[in-house]
Amino acid sequence: MDAPPGKGDDPADFLKISDHLHRLHLSAPQAIAKDTANGFLLLEDFGDGVFARLVANDPNQELPLYKAAVETLLHLQRHAAPAGLPDLSAKDWAEAAMFAPRFYAAAILGQEPNHAPLQTAVETALRRHADGPRVLILRDFHAENLIWLPRRQHLRRVGLLDFQLGQMGQPAYDLVSLLQDARRDVSAETETALCAMFGQDDPGFAAAYAVLGAQRALRIIGIFARLCLHGGKPGYLPLIPRVWAHLQRNLAHPALSDVAKASAILPPPTEENLQRIARQCARHP
């Protein structure tokens, strides 16, 4: 790991959460050597058993691998998080969701639409359905950041990566990251089974899952557009239709009726609209 301290992927943050995961008998890479003052970590190599690759080679492995990942999440959330982690409010999460109108919609429409009603609707939905007790969320909990370690036992078979931006959040957030993956389609059967497993004792789970899914999809759509516009990375644009489909499915939940109405300001990711964004790639400071 090579990252300047104090900026984004801070090695000190990685070590803090890594130590916590080790105390819970979970598999995070061991730091073989470290120089946190200069932002360097030499980390244990977990090999090439990336969940996404294993499932691509054998789709029958999706449910058992993902079930192991959810069991890891449930174990993690039964324990108190490390002290001092960021704990954003519903207002903060709603503001992050506005990346979609600020970057994605603005690039297509030629100007940023009025997103105040959408932001208010998202914040209200979060407060009503996804603003309860916080747990540690790893944030990038998806198939590209999970490594299968078959020689280990029990929950330690799931190797965890890229958790340095972990913070306090709602229990279903990492489940949404896993099952509503921007990079690959997760089968409906797997999503249904693992949502039932995760939220079986929570009558408000379905609404929280949909609200968090919508917030996350809005943020990611905006981030992918921004990566093209400001970062010169058009390769993320083809992923937007999948995330848009996640958004529409989440918006169909009754808890999101106001968000669904307010999201009419967002144009769909047609081929023409995505090409319009692509033509502006790296032209924004």
C-alpha atoms as a PDB file:
ATOM      1  CA  MET A   1       0.000   0.000   0.000  1.00  0.00           C
ATOM      2  CA  ASP A   2       1.392   3.370  -1.056  1.00  0.00           C
ATOM      3  CA  ALA A   3      -0.745   6.330  -0.015  1.00  0.00           C
ATOM      4  CA  PRO A   4       0.149   9.732   1.452  1.00  0.00           C
ATOM      5  CA  PRO A   5      -0.848   9.894   5.117  1.00  0.00           C
ATOM      6  CA  GLY A   6      -3.798  12.115   5.908  1.00  0.00           C
ATOM      7  CA  LYS A   7      -5.239  11.970   2.388  1.00  0.00           C
ATOM      8  CA  GLY A   8      -8.024   9.507   1.639  1.00  0.00           C
ATOM      9  CA  ASP A   9      -6.545   6.010   1.840  1.00  0.00           C
ATOM     10  CA  ASP A  10      -4.419   6.706   4.902  1.00  0.00           C
ATOM     11  CA  PRO A  11      -2.316   3.687   5.976  1.00  0.00           C
ATOM     12  CA  ALA A  12      -2.994   4.555   9.616  1.00  0.00           C
ATOM     13  CA  ASP A  13      -6.723   4.106   8.980  1.00  0.00           C
ATOM     14  CA  PHE A  14      -6.042   0.770   7.300  1.00  0.00           C
ATOM     15  CA  LEU A  15      -4.034  -0.433  10.292  1.00  0.00           C
ATOM     16  CA  LYS A  16      -6.651   0.728  12.778  1.00  0.00           C
ATOM     17  CA  ILE A  17      -9.420  -1.258  11.133  1.00  0.00           C
ATOM     18  CA  SER A  18      -7.125  -4.168  10.291  1.00  0.00           C
ATOM     19  CA  ASP A  19      -6.200  -4.542  13.965  1.00  0.00           C
ATOM     20  CA  HIS A  20      -9.895  -4.524  14.854  1.00  0.00           C
ATOM     21  CA  LEU A  21     -10.660  -7.238  12.302  1.00  0.00           C
ATOM     22  CA  HIS A  22      -7.821  -9.386  13.623  1.00  0.00           C
ATOM     23  CA  ARG A  23      -9.196  -9.075  17.156  1.00  0.00           C
ATOM     24  CA  LEU A  24     -12.479 -10.443  15.821  1.00  0.00           C
ATOM     25  CA  HIS A  25     -10.629 -13.401  14.244  1.00  0.00           C
ATOM     26  CA  LEU A  26     -11.335 -12.203  10.710  1.00  0.00           C
ATOM     27  CA  SER A  27      -8.865 -12.217   7.822  1.00  0.00           C
ATOM     28  CA  ALA A  28      -7.340  -8.853   6.998  1.00  0.00           C
ATOM     29  CA  PRO A  29      -3.850  -8.657   5.452  1.00  0.00           C
ATOM     30  CA  GLN A  30      -1.064  -8.642   8.012  1.00  0.00           C
ATOM     31  CA  ALA A  31       1.344  -5.712   7.775  1.00  0.00           C
ATOM     32  CA  ILE A  32       4.746  -7.296   7.116  1.00  0.00           C
ATOM     33  CA  ALA A  33       6.497  -3.923   7.223  1.00  0.00           C
ATOM     34  CA  LYS A  34       5.270  -0.375   7.640  1.00  0.00           C
ATOM     35  CA  ASP A  35       6.386   3.224   7.344  1.00  0.00           C
ATOM     36  CA  THR A  36       3.233   5.163   8.122  1.00  0.00           C
ATOM     37  CA  ALA A  37       5.061   8.502   8.231  1.00  0.00           C
ATOM     38  CA  ASN A  38       5.706   8.153   4.500  1.00  0.00           C
ATOM     39  CA  GLY A  39       2.521   6.254   3.675  1.00  0.00           C
ATOM     40  CA  PHE A  40       3.972   2.806   2.968  1.00  0.00           C
ATOM     41  CA  LEU A  41       2.718  -0.628   4.009  1.00  0.00           C
ATOM     42  CA  LEU A  42       3.995  -4.007   2.858  1.00  0.00           C
ATOM     43  CA  LEU A  43       0.987  -6.298   3.176  1.00  0.00           C
ATOM     44  CA  GLU A  44       0.376 -10.021   3.217  1.00  0.00           C
ATOM     45  CA  ASP A  45      -0.594 -11.435  -0.196  1.00  0.00           C
ATOM     46  CA  PHE A  46      -3.939 -13.242  -0.068  1.00  0.00           C
ATOM     47  CA  GLY A  47      -3.484 -14.819  -3.492  1.00  0.00           C
ATOM     48  CA  ASP A  48      -5.807 -14.710  -6.487  1.00  0.00           C
ATOM     49  CA  GLY A  49      -8.998 -16.261  -5.113  1.00  0.00           C
ATOM     50  CA  VAL A  50     -11.020 -13.124  -5.808  1.00  0.00           C
ATOM     51  CA  PHE A  51     -14.732 -13.806  -5.352  1.00  0.00           C
ATOM     52  CA  ALA A  52     -15.615 -12.144  -8.669  1.00  0.00           C
ATOM     53  CA  ARG A  53     -13.168 -14.348 -10.568  1.00  0.00           C
ATOM     54  CA  LEU A  54     -14.232 -17.541  -8.815  1.00  0.00           C
ATOM     55  CA  VAL A  55     -17.904 -16.897  -9.539  1.00  0.00           C
ATOM     56  CA  ALA A  56     -17.182 -15.970 -13.158  1.00  0.00           C
ATOM     57  CA  ASN A  57     -15.438 -19.333 -13.577  1.00  0.00           C
ATOM     58  CA  ASP A  58     -18.163 -21.266 -11.743  1.00  0.00           C
ATOM     59  CA  PRO A  59     -21.508 -19.495 -11.195  1.00  0.00           C
ATOM     60  CA  ASN A  60     -22.577 -22.282  -8.832  1.00  0.00           C
ATOM     61  CA  GLN A  61     -20.095 -20.858  -6.331  1.00  0.00           C
ATOM     62  CA  GLU A  62     -21.961 -17.566  -6.048  1.00  0.00           C
ATOM     63  CA  LEU A  63     -24.388 -18.493  -3.278  1.00  0.00           C
ATOM     64  CA  PRO A  64     -21.934 -20.348  -0.988  1.00  0.00           C
ATOM     65  CA  LEU A  65     -19.252 -17.674  -1.366  1.00  0.00           C
ATOM     66  CA  TYR A  66     -21.652 -14.814  -0.835  1.00  0.00           C
ATOM     67  CA  LYS A  67     -23.228 -16.607   2.115  1.00  0.00           C
ATOM     68  CA  ALA A  68     -19.786 -16.809   3.726  1.00  0.00           C
ATOM     69  CA  ALA A  69     -19.360 -13.078   3.118  1.00  0.00           C
ATOM     70  CA  VAL A  70     -22.701 -12.302   4.784  1.00  0.00           C
ATOM     71  CA  GLU A  71     -21.818 -14.504   7.754  1.00  0.00           C
ATOM     72  CA  THR A  72     -18.647 -12.420   8.076  1.00  0.00           C
ATOM     73  CA  LEU A  73     -20.688  -9.218   8.020  1.00  0.00           C
ATOM     74  CA  LEU A  74     -23.070 -10.482  10.688  1.00  0.00           C
ATOM     75  CA  HIS A  75     -20.151 -11.458  12.913  1.00  0.00           C
ATOM     76  CA  LEU A  76     -18.483  -8.081  12.400  1.00  0.00           C
ATOM     77  CA  GLN A  77     -21.648  -6.194  13.284  1.00  0.00           C
ATOM     78  CA  ARG A  78     -22.200  -8.077  16.536  1.00  0.00           C
ATOM     79  CA  HIS A  79     -19.154  -6.309  17.969  1.00  0.00           C
ATOM     80  CA  ALA A  80     -18.563  -2.677  18.863  1.00  0.00           C
ATOM     81  CA  ALA A  81     -16.599  -0.688  16.296  1.00  0.00           C
ATOM     82  CA  PRO A  82     -13.246   0.983  17.034  1.00  0.00           C
ATOM     83  CA  ALA A  83     -13.549   4.413  18.620  1.00  0.00           C
ATOM     84  CA  GLY A  84     -13.151   7.596  16.644  1.00  0.00           C
ATOM     85  CA  LEU A  85     -14.479   6.528  13.237  1.00  0.00           C
ATOM     86  CA  PRO A  86     -16.381   9.027  11.067  1.00  0.00           C
ATOM     87  CA  ASP A  87     -20.132   8.948  11.690  1.00  0.00           C
ATOM     88  CA  LEU A  88     -22.015  10.849   8.998  1.00  0.00           C
ATOM     89  CA  SER A  89     -25.567  12.105   9.388  1.00  0.00           C
ATOM     90  CA  ALA A  90     -28.543  11.466   7.113  1.00  0.00           C
ATOM     91  CA  LYS A  91     -27.932  14.955   5.741  1.00  0.00           C
ATOM     92  CA  ASP A  92     -24.339  14.023   4.842  1.00  0.00           C
ATOM     93  CA  TRP A  93     -25.433  10.821   3.094  1.00  0.00           C
ATOM     94  CA  ALA A  94     -28.120  12.712   1.175  1.00  0.00           C
ATOM     95  CA  GLU A  95     -25.581  15.310   0.037  1.00  0.00           C
ATOM     96  CA  ALA A  96     -23.324  12.527  -1.256  1.00  0.00           C
ATOM     97  CA  ALA A  97     -26.229  11.148  -3.294  1.00  0.00           C
ATOM     98  CA  MET A  98     -26.399  14.465  -5.153  1.00  0.00           C
ATOM     99  CA  PHE A  99     -23.327  13.492  -7.153  1.00  0.00           C
ATOM    100  CA  ALA A 100     -25.853  12.118  -9.647  1.00  0.00           C
ATOM    101  CA  PRO A 101     -27.461  15.452 -10.568  1.00  0.00           C
ATOM    102  CA  ARG A 102     -24.244  17.453 -10.096  1.00  0.00           C
ATOM    103  CA  PHE A 103     -22.086  15.411 -12.456  1.00  0.00           C
ATOM    104  CA  TYR A 104     -24.140  12.831 -14.352  1.00  0.00           C
ATOM    105  CA  ALA A 105     -27.280  14.852 -15.106  1.00  0.00           C
ATOM    106  CA  ALA A 106     -25.396  18.116 -15.589  1.00  0.00           C
ATOM    107  CA  ALA A 107     -23.132  16.559 -18.217  1.00  0.00           C
ATOM    108  CA  ILE A 108     -26.111  15.258 -20.181  1.00  0.00           C
ATOM    109  CA  LEU A 109     -28.431  18.248 -19.810  1.00  0.00           C
ATOM    110  CA  GLY A 110     -25.797  20.946 -20.159  1.00  0.00           C
ATOM    111  CA  GLN A 111     -26.607  22.393 -16.759  1.00  0.00           C
ATOM    112  CA  GLU A 112     -27.088  21.155 -13.234  1.00  0.00           C
ATOM    113  CA  PRO A 113     -30.786  20.556 -12.511  1.00  0.00           C
ATOM    114  CA  ASN A 114     -32.429  21.825  -9.345  1.00  0.00           C
ATOM    115  CA  HIS A 115     -31.810  18.910  -7.009  1.00  0.00           C
ATOM    116  CA  ALA A 116     -33.075  20.421  -3.755  1.00  0.00           C
ATOM    117  CA  PRO A 117     -36.335  18.379  -3.783  1.00  0.00           C
ATOM    118  CA  LEU A 118     -34.386  15.182  -4.482  1.00  0.00           C
ATOM    119  CA  GLN A 119     -31.901  15.861  -1.697  1.00  0.00           C
ATOM    120  CA  THR A 120     -34.715  16.586   0.757  1.00  0.00           C
ATOM    121  CA  ALA A 121     -36.551  13.411  -0.245  1.00  0.00           C
ATOM    122  CA  VAL A 122     -33.425  11.269   0.143  1.00  0.00           C
ATOM    123  CA  GLU A 123     -32.601  12.773   3.529  1.00  0.00           C
ATOM    124  CA  THR A 124     -36.167  12.246   4.748  1.00  0.00           C
ATOM    125  CA  ALA A 125     -36.169   8.619   3.599  1.00  0.00           C
ATOM    126  CA  LEU A 126     -32.841   7.998   5.316  1.00  0.00           C
ATOM    127  CA  ARG A 127     -34.055   9.545   8.572  1.00  0.00           C
ATOM    128  CA  ARG A 128     -37.230   7.473   8.538  1.00  0.00           C
ATOM    129  CA  HIS A 129     -35.851   4.117   7.483  1.00  0.00           C
ATOM    130  CA  ALA A 130     -32.047   3.993   7.751  1.00  0.00           C
ATOM    131  CA  ASP A 131     -30.863   6.185  10.595  1.00  0.00           C
ATOM    132  CA  GLY A 132     -30.789   3.788  13.524  1.00  0.00           C
ATOM    133  CA  PRO A 133     -27.926   2.364  15.601  1.00  0.00           C
ATOM    134  CA  ARG A 134     -24.581   2.483  13.804  1.00  0.00           C
ATOM    135  CA  VAL A 135     -22.138  -0.332  13.129  1.00  0.00           C
ATOM    136  CA  LEU A 136     -18.745  -0.473  11.438  1.00  0.00           C
ATOM    137  CA  ILE A 137     -19.227  -0.506   7.668  1.00  0.00           C
ATOM    138  CA  LEU A 138     -16.300  -1.335   5.384  1.00  0.00           C
ATOM    139  CA  ARG A 139     -17.922   0.581   2.466  1.00  0.00           C
ATOM    140  CA  ASP A 140     -16.284  -1.246  -0.463  1.00  0.00           C
ATOM    141  CA  PHE A 141     -17.554  -4.680   0.525  1.00  0.00           C
ATOM    142  CA  HIS A 142     -17.975  -6.341  -2.881  1.00  0.00           C
ATOM    143  CA  ALA A 143     -16.736  -9.288  -4.904  1.00  0.00           C
ATOM    144  CA  GLU A 144     -13.548  -7.587  -6.129  1.00  0.00           C
ATOM    145  CA  ASN A 145     -12.433  -6.938  -2.541  1.00  0.00           C
ATOM    146  CA  LEU A 146     -13.157 -10.385  -1.108  1.00  0.00           C
ATOM    147  CA  ILE A 147     -10.626 -13.218  -1.367  1.00  0.00           C
ATOM    148  CA  TRP A 148     -11.417 -16.881  -0.727  1.00  0.00           C
ATOM    149  CA  LEU A 149      -8.823 -18.488   1.554  1.00  0.00           C
ATOM    150  CA  PRO A 150      -9.790 -22.183   1.529  1.00  0.00           C
ATOM    151  CA  ARG A 151      -6.939 -23.320   3.796  1.00  0.00           C
ATOM    152  CA  ARG A 152      -8.251 -21.242   6.682  1.00  0.00           C
ATOM    153  CA  GLN A 153     -11.104 -22.157   8.975  1.00  0.00           C
ATOM    154  CA  HIS A 154     -14.619 -20.802   9.418  1.00  0.00           C
ATOM    155  CA  LEU A 155     -15.003 -17.037   8.926  1.00  0.00           C
ATOM    156  CA  ARG A 156     -11.272 -16.619   8.348  1.00  0.00           C
ATOM    157  CA  ARG A 157     -11.776 -18.118   4.892  1.00  0.00           C
ATOM    158  CA  VAL A 158     -13.105 -14.731   3.736  1.00  0.00           C
ATOM    159  CA  GLY A 159     -10.195 -12.367   3.115  1.00  0.00           C
ATOM    160  CA  LEU A 160     -11.080  -8.676   3.444  1.00  0.00           C
ATOM    161  CA  LEU A 161      -9.443  -5.886   1.420  1.00  0.00           C
ATOM    162  CA  ASP A 162      -9.808  -2.145   0.831  1.00  0.00           C
ATOM    163  CA  PHE A 163     -11.463  -1.224   4.122  1.00  0.00           C
ATOM    164  CA  GLN A 164      -9.363   1.825   5.035  1.00  0.00           C
ATOM    165  CA  LEU A 165     -12.316   4.156   4.428  1.00  0.00           C
ATOM    166  CA  GLY A 166     -14.460   2.247   6.907  1.00  0.00           C
ATOM    167  CA  GLN A 167     -16.769   4.295   9.085  1.00  0.00           C
ATOM    168  CA  MET A 168     -19.929   4.112  11.146  1.00  0.00           C
ATOM    169  CA  GLY A 169     -23.102   3.436   9.193  1.00  0.00           C
ATOM    170  CA  GLN A 170     -26.280   1.434   8.865  1.00  0.00           C
ATOM    171  CA  PRO A 171     -26.098  -2.379   9.090  1.00  0.00           C
ATOM    172  CA  ALA A 172     -27.517  -3.017   5.608  1.00  0.00           C
ATOM    173  CA  TYR A 173     -25.055  -0.725   3.802  1.00  0.00           C
ATOM    174  CA  ASP A 174     -22.324  -3.311   3.234  1.00  0.00           C
ATOM    175  CA  LEU A 175     -24.944  -5.879   2.239  1.00  0.00           C
ATOM    176  CA  VAL A 176     -26.127  -3.487  -0.464  1.00  0.00           C
ATOM    177  CA  SER A 177     -22.507  -3.075  -1.607  1.00  0.00           C
ATOM    178  CA  LEU A 178     -22.200  -6.841  -1.931  1.00  0.00           C
ATOM    179  CA  LEU A 179     -25.513  -7.643  -3.601  1.00  0.00           C
ATOM    180  CA  GLN A 180     -26.008  -4.524  -5.741  1.00  0.00           C
ATOM    181  CA  ASP A 181     -22.556  -4.629  -7.292  1.00  0.00           C
ATOM    182  CA  ALA A 182     -21.727  -2.044  -9.939  1.00  0.00           C
ATOM    183  CA  ARG A 183     -19.309  -4.428 -11.663  1.00  0.00           C
ATOM    184  CA  ARG A 184     -21.234  -7.707 -11.866  1.00  0.00           C
ATOM    185  CA  ASP A 185     -24.771  -9.015 -11.809  1.00  0.00           C
ATOM    186  CA  VAL A 186     -25.730 -10.948  -8.693  1.00  0.00           C
ATOM    187  CA  SER A 187     -28.491 -13.483  -9.268  1.00  0.00           C
ATOM    188  CA  ALA A 188     -31.941 -12.653  -7.925  1.00  0.00           C
ATOM    189  CA  GLU A 189     -31.927 -15.975  -6.072  1.00  0.00           C
ATOM    190  CA  THR A 190     -28.717 -15.110  -4.235  1.00  0.00           C
ATOM    191  CA  GLU A 191     -29.904 -11.613  -3.369  1.00  0.00           C
ATOM    192  CA  THR A 192     -33.261 -12.871  -2.069  1.00  0.00           C
ATOM    193  CA  ALA A 193     -31.721 -15.649   0.016  1.00  0.00           C
ATOM    194  CA  LEU A 194     -29.075 -13.459   1.618  1.00  0.00           C
ATOM    195  CA  CYS A 195     -31.422 -10.557   2.306  1.00  0.00           C
ATOM    196  CA  ALA A 196     -33.666 -13.024   4.132  1.00  0.00           C
ATOM    197  CA  MET A 197     -30.674 -14.361   6.049  1.00  0.00           C
ATOM    198  CA  PHE A 198     -29.433 -10.898   7.000  1.00  0.00           C
ATOM    199  CA  GLY A 199     -32.723  -9.206   7.843  1.00  0.00           C
ATOM    200  CA  GLN A 200     -34.827 -12.073   9.136  1.00  0.00           C
ATOM    201  CA  ASP A 201     -35.321 -10.491  12.569  1.00  0.00           C
ATOM    202  CA  ASP A 202     -35.812  -6.898  11.401  1.00  0.00           C
ATOM    203  CA  PRO A 203     -39.260  -5.861  10.119  1.00  0.00           C
ATOM    204  CA  GLY A 204     -37.806  -2.615   8.778  1.00  0.00           C
ATOM    205  CA  PHE A 205     -35.018  -4.292   6.840  1.00  0.00           C
ATOM    206  CA  ALA A 206     -36.588  -4.171   3.364  1.00  0.00           C
ATOM    207  CA  ALA A 207     -37.165  -0.420   3.541  1.00  0.00           C
ATOM    208  CA  ALA A 208     -33.677   0.262   4.911  1.00  0.00           C
ATOM    209  CA  TYR A 209     -32.125  -1.921   2.199  1.00  0.00           C
ATOM    210  CA  ALA A 210     -33.991  -0.059  -0.549  1.00  0.00           C
ATOM    211  CA  VAL A 211     -33.227   3.400   0.848  1.00  0.00           C
ATOM    212  CA  LEU A 212     -29.533   2.657   1.290  1.00  0.00           C
ATOM    213  CA  GLY A 213     -29.464   1.053  -2.150  1.00  0.00           C
ATOM    214  CA  ALA A 214     -30.948   4.150  -3.744  1.00  0.00           C
ATOM    215  CA  GLN A 215     -28.548   6.482  -1.933  1.00  0.00           C
ATOM    216  CA  ARG A 216     -25.584   4.376  -2.949  1.00  0.00           C
ATOM    217  CA  ALA A 217     -26.699   4.080  -6.576  1.00  0.00           C
ATOM    218  CA  LEU A 218     -27.170   7.840  -6.896  1.00  0.00           C
ATOM    219  CA  ARG A 219     -23.720   8.465  -5.467  1.00  0.00           C
ATOM    220  CA  ILE A 220     -22.031   5.882  -7.698  1.00  0.00           C
ATOM    221  CA  ILE A 221     -23.721   7.108 -10.880  1.00  0.00           C
ATOM    222  CA  GLY A 222     -22.383  10.562 -10.097  1.00  0.00           C
ATOM    223  CA  ILE A 223     -18.926   9.278  -9.204  1.00  0.00           C
ATOM    224  CA  PHE A 224     -18.627   7.315 -12.450  1.00  0.00           C
ATOM    225  CA  ALA A 225     -19.599  10.398 -14.455  1.00  0.00           C
ATOM    226  CA  ARG A 226     -17.149  12.547 -12.489  1.00  0.00           C
ATOM    227  CA  LEU A 227     -14.325  10.053 -13.083  1.00  0.00           C
ATOM    228  CA  CYS A 228     -14.834  10.563 -16.795  1.00  0.00           C
ATOM    229  CA  LEU A 229     -15.402  14.311 -16.755  1.00  0.00           C
ATOM    230  CA  HIS A 230     -12.653  15.261 -14.310  1.00  0.00           C
ATOM    231  CA  GLY A 231     -10.419  12.203 -14.225  1.00  0.00           C
ATOM    232  CA  GLY A 232     -10.298  11.228 -17.888  1.00  0.00           C
ATOM    233  CA  LYS A 233     -11.568   7.708 -17.107  1.00  0.00           C
ATOM    234  CA  PRO A 234     -14.406   6.799 -19.500  1.00  0.00           C
ATOM    235  CA  GLY A 235     -14.161   3.104 -18.637  1.00  0.00           C
ATOM    236  CA  TYR A 236     -16.649   3.531 -15.807  1.00  0.00           C
ATOM    237  CA  LEU A 237     -19.457   4.811 -18.041  1.00  0.00           C
ATOM    238  CA  PRO A 238     -20.540   1.343 -19.305  1.00  0.00           C
ATOM    239  CA  LEU A 239     -21.211   0.382 -15.670  1.00  0.00           C
ATOM    240  CA  ILE A 240     -23.811   3.105 -15.195  1.00  0.00           C
ATOM    241  CA  PRO A 241     -26.769   1.217 -16.766  1.00  0.00           C
ATOM    242  CA  ARG A 242     -26.369  -1.595 -14.231  1.00  0.00           C
ATOM    243  CA  VAL A 243     -26.314   0.879 -11.342  1.00  0.00           C
ATOM    244  CA  TRP A 244     -29.283   2.702 -12.872  1.00  0.00           C
ATOM    245  CA  ALA A 245     -31.203  -0.597 -12.856  1.00  0.00           C
ATOM    246  CA  HIS A 246     -30.373  -1.004  -9.160  1.00  0.00           C
ATOM    247  CA  LEU A 247     -31.648   2.523  -8.563  1.00  0.00           C
ATOM    248  CA  GLN A 248     -34.941   1.899 -10.347  1.00  0.00           C
ATOM    249  CA  ARG A 249     -35.532  -1.330  -8.448  1.00  0.00           C
ATOM    250  CA  ASN A 250     -34.898   0.398  -5.130  1.00  0.00           C
ATOM    251  CA  LEU A 251     -37.135   3.323  -6.058  1.00  0.00           C
ATOM    252  CA  ALA A 252     -40.019   0.897  -6.574  1.00  0.00           C
ATOM    253  CA  HIS A 253     -40.203   0.328  -2.803  1.00  0.00           C
ATOM    254  CA  PRO A 254     -43.072   2.284  -1.188  1.00  0.00           C
ATOM    255  CA  ALA A 255     -40.654   3.893   1.275  1.00  0.00           C
ATOM    256  CA  LEU A 256     -39.064   5.720  -1.655  1.00  0.00           C
ATOM    257  CA  SER A 257     -42.142   7.109  -3.403  1.00  0.00           C
ATOM    258  CA  ASP A 258     -41.079  10.730  -2.842  1.00  0.00           C
ATOM    259  CA  VAL A 259     -37.513   9.991  -3.933  1.00  0.00           C
ATOM    260  CA  ALA A 260     -38.835   8.297  -7.065  1.00  0.00           C
ATOM    261  CA  LYS A 261     -40.865  11.381  -7.990  1.00  0.00           C
ATOM    262  CA  ALA A 262     -37.987  13.763  -7.318  1.00  0.00           C
ATOM    263  CA  SER A 263     -35.529  11.622  -9.305  1.00  0.00           C
ATOM    264  CA  ALA A 264     -37.386  12.502 -12.507  1.00  0.00           C
ATOM    265  CA  ILE A 265     -34.728  15.208 -12.961  1.00  0.00           C
ATOM    266  CA  LEU A 266     -32.235  12.474 -13.894  1.00  0.00           C
ATOM    267  CA  PRO A 267     -32.116  11.435 -17.561  1.00  0.00           C
ATOM    268  CA  PRO A 268     -31.779   7.694 -18.249  1.00  0.00           C
ATOM    269  CA  PRO A 269     -28.372   6.305 -19.281  1.00  0.00           C
ATOM    270  CA  THR A 270     -29.190   5.746 -22.932  1.00  0.00           C
ATOM    271  CA  GLU A 271     -26.327   5.115 -25.327  1.00  0.00           C
ATOM    272  CA  GLU A 272     -26.731   8.652 -26.631  1.00  0.00           C
ATOM    273  CA  ASN A 273     -26.591  10.154 -23.145  1.00  0.00           C
ATOM    274  CA  LEU A 274     -23.524   8.149 -22.162  1.00  0.00           C
ATOM    275  CA  GLN A 275     -21.809   9.211 -25.380  1.00  0.00           C
ATOM    276  CA  ARG A 276     -22.594  12.805 -24.490  1.00  0.00           C
ATOM    277  CA  ILE A 277     -20.707  12.362 -21.219  1.00  0.00           C
ATOM    278  CA  ALA A 278     -17.867  10.543 -22.977  1.00  0.00           C
ATOM    279  CA  ARG A 279     -17.354  13.432 -25.394  1.00  0.00           C
ATOM    280  CA  GLN A 280     -16.643  15.663 -22.386  1.00  0.00           C
ATOM    281  CA  CYS A 281     -14.089  13.278 -20.911  1.00  0.00           C
ATOM    282  CA  ALA A 282     -11.218  15.087 -19.152  1.00  0.00           C
ATOM    283  CA  ARG A 283     -12.508  18.472 -20.318  1.00  0.00           C
ATOM    284  CA  HIS A 284     -13.536  19.590 -16.846  1.00  0.00           C
ATOM    285  CA  PRO A 285     -10.932  20.938 -14.396  1.00  0.00           C
END
